[in-house]
Amino acid sequence: MPKMKTHKSAAKRYKVTASGKITRRQAGIGHLLQHKSASRKRRIFKMVSISKSHLKLISKELPYKKYSR
């Protein structure tokens, strides 16, 4: 039986925590930062866990998801 392949763009975008949750970066921090407030930028810079609706889709792209530092 052939091995499953990891979706490489998904592997770069998502990280797996030690408890098994999948985290992602928030959108909106790439550019146009001068008009955004400091508190908004601080909130956007943090990692957030993915929604339950996307969990199954992303888990399929990461068949060998393991926690790694």
C-alpha atoms as a PDB file:
ATOM      1  CA  MET A   1       0.000   0.000   0.000  1.00  0.00           C
ATOM      2  CA  PRO A   2       1.460   3.430  -0.854  1.00  0.00           C
ATOM      3  CA  LYS A   3       2.142   5.955   1.859  1.00  0.00           C
ATOM      4  CA  MET A   4       0.004   9.059   2.229  1.00  0.00           C
ATOM      5  CA  LYS A   5       1.714  12.350   1.469  1.00  0.00           C
ATOM      6  CA  THR A   6       1.590  15.435   3.666  1.00  0.00           C
ATOM      7  CA  HIS A   7       0.178  18.531   1.967  1.00  0.00           C
ATOM      8  CA  LYS A   8       3.283  20.716   2.158  1.00  0.00           C
ATOM      9  CA  SER A   9       1.554  24.109   2.146  1.00  0.00           C
ATOM     10  CA  ALA A  10      -0.646  22.932   5.030  1.00  0.00           C
ATOM     11  CA  ALA A  11       2.408  21.721   6.941  1.00  0.00           C
ATOM     12  CA  LYS A  12       3.932  25.209   6.653  1.00  0.00           C
ATOM     13  CA  ARG A  13       0.741  27.052   7.626  1.00  0.00           C
ATOM     14  CA  TYR A  14      -0.433  25.007  10.607  1.00  0.00           C
ATOM     15  CA  LYS A  15       1.348  23.922  13.785  1.00  0.00           C
ATOM     16  CA  VAL A  16       0.273  21.179  16.160  1.00  0.00           C
ATOM     17  CA  THR A  17       0.387  21.913  19.889  1.00  0.00           C
ATOM     18  CA  ALA A  18       1.490  19.411  22.530  1.00  0.00           C
ATOM     19  CA  SER A  19      -2.146  18.705  23.390  1.00  0.00           C
ATOM     20  CA  GLY A  20      -2.941  17.943  19.736  1.00  0.00           C
ATOM     21  CA  LYS A  21      -4.742  21.143  18.761  1.00  0.00           C
ATOM     22  CA  ILE A  22      -3.954  22.722  15.401  1.00  0.00           C
ATOM     23  CA  THR A  23      -3.084  26.419  15.395  1.00  0.00           C
ATOM     24  CA  ARG A  24      -2.860  28.964  12.596  1.00  0.00           C
ATOM     25  CA  ARG A  25      -1.851  32.593  12.055  1.00  0.00           C
ATOM     26  CA  GLN A  26      -4.555  35.224  11.907  1.00  0.00           C
ATOM     27  CA  ALA A  27      -5.230  37.083   8.675  1.00  0.00           C
ATOM     28  CA  GLY A  28      -4.703  40.798   8.254  1.00  0.00           C
ATOM     29  CA  ILE A  29      -1.143  41.326   9.473  1.00  0.00           C
ATOM     30  CA  GLY A  30       0.736  41.155   6.143  1.00  0.00           C
ATOM     31  CA  HIS A  31       0.500  44.828   5.156  1.00  0.00           C
ATOM     32  CA  LEU A  32      -1.491  48.072   5.629  1.00  0.00           C
ATOM     33  CA  LEU A  33      -0.603  48.232   9.315  1.00  0.00           C
ATOM     34  CA  GLN A  34      -0.346  52.002   9.757  1.00  0.00           C
ATOM     35  CA  HIS A  35      -4.085  52.615  10.092  1.00  0.00           C
ATOM     36  CA  LYS A  36      -4.713  49.645  12.410  1.00  0.00           C
ATOM     37  CA  SER A  37      -4.676  50.319  16.119  1.00  0.00           C
ATOM     38  CA  ALA A  38      -1.931  48.912  18.336  1.00  0.00           C
ATOM     39  CA  SER A  39      -4.375  46.772  20.289  1.00  0.00           C
ATOM     40  CA  ARG A  40      -5.788  45.336  17.065  1.00  0.00           C
ATOM     41  CA  LYS A  41      -2.291  44.512  15.802  1.00  0.00           C
ATOM     42  CA  ARG A  42      -1.350  42.826  19.090  1.00  0.00           C
ATOM     43  CA  ARG A  43      -4.479  40.703  18.895  1.00  0.00           C
ATOM     44  CA  ILE A  44      -3.847  39.726  15.259  1.00  0.00           C
ATOM     45  CA  PHE A  45      -0.191  38.723  15.800  1.00  0.00           C
ATOM     46  CA  LYS A  46      -1.140  35.828  18.079  1.00  0.00           C
ATOM     47  CA  MET A  47      -1.764  32.284  16.940  1.00  0.00           C
ATOM     48  CA  VAL A  48      -5.318  30.946  17.217  1.00  0.00           C
ATOM     49  CA  SER A  49      -6.692  27.427  17.082  1.00  0.00           C
ATOM     50  CA  ILE A  50      -8.628  26.392  14.002  1.00  0.00           C
ATOM     51  CA  SER A  51     -12.404  26.131  14.014  1.00  0.00           C
ATOM     52  CA  LYS A  52     -14.170  22.811  14.425  1.00  0.00           C
ATOM     53  CA  SER A  53     -15.581  23.046  10.911  1.00  0.00           C
ATOM     54  CA  HIS A  54     -12.058  23.040   9.432  1.00  0.00           C
ATOM     55  CA  LEU A  55     -10.583  20.407  11.741  1.00  0.00           C
ATOM     56  CA  LYS A  56     -11.496  17.431   9.567  1.00  0.00           C
ATOM     57  CA  LEU A  57     -10.270  19.088   6.351  1.00  0.00           C
ATOM     58  CA  ILE A  58      -6.907  20.109   7.786  1.00  0.00           C
ATOM     59  CA  SER A  59      -6.387  16.795   9.560  1.00  0.00           C
ATOM     60  CA  LYS A  60      -6.790  15.084   6.189  1.00  0.00           C
ATOM     61  CA  GLU A  61      -3.990  17.247   4.762  1.00  0.00           C
ATOM     62  CA  LEU A  62      -1.718  16.385   7.714  1.00  0.00           C
ATOM     63  CA  PRO A  63      -1.947  12.588   7.991  1.00  0.00           C
ATOM     64  CA  TYR A  64       1.206  12.302  10.139  1.00  0.00           C
ATOM     65  CA  LYS A  65       0.589  15.288  12.383  1.00  0.00           C
ATOM     66  CA  LYS A  66       2.857  15.176  15.394  1.00  0.00           C
ATOM     67  CA  TYR A  67       3.895  17.719  17.947  1.00  0.00           C
ATOM     68  CA  SER A  68       7.367  19.056  17.226  1.00  0.00           C
ATOM     69  CA  ARG A  69       9.175  22.009  18.722  1.00  0.00           C
END
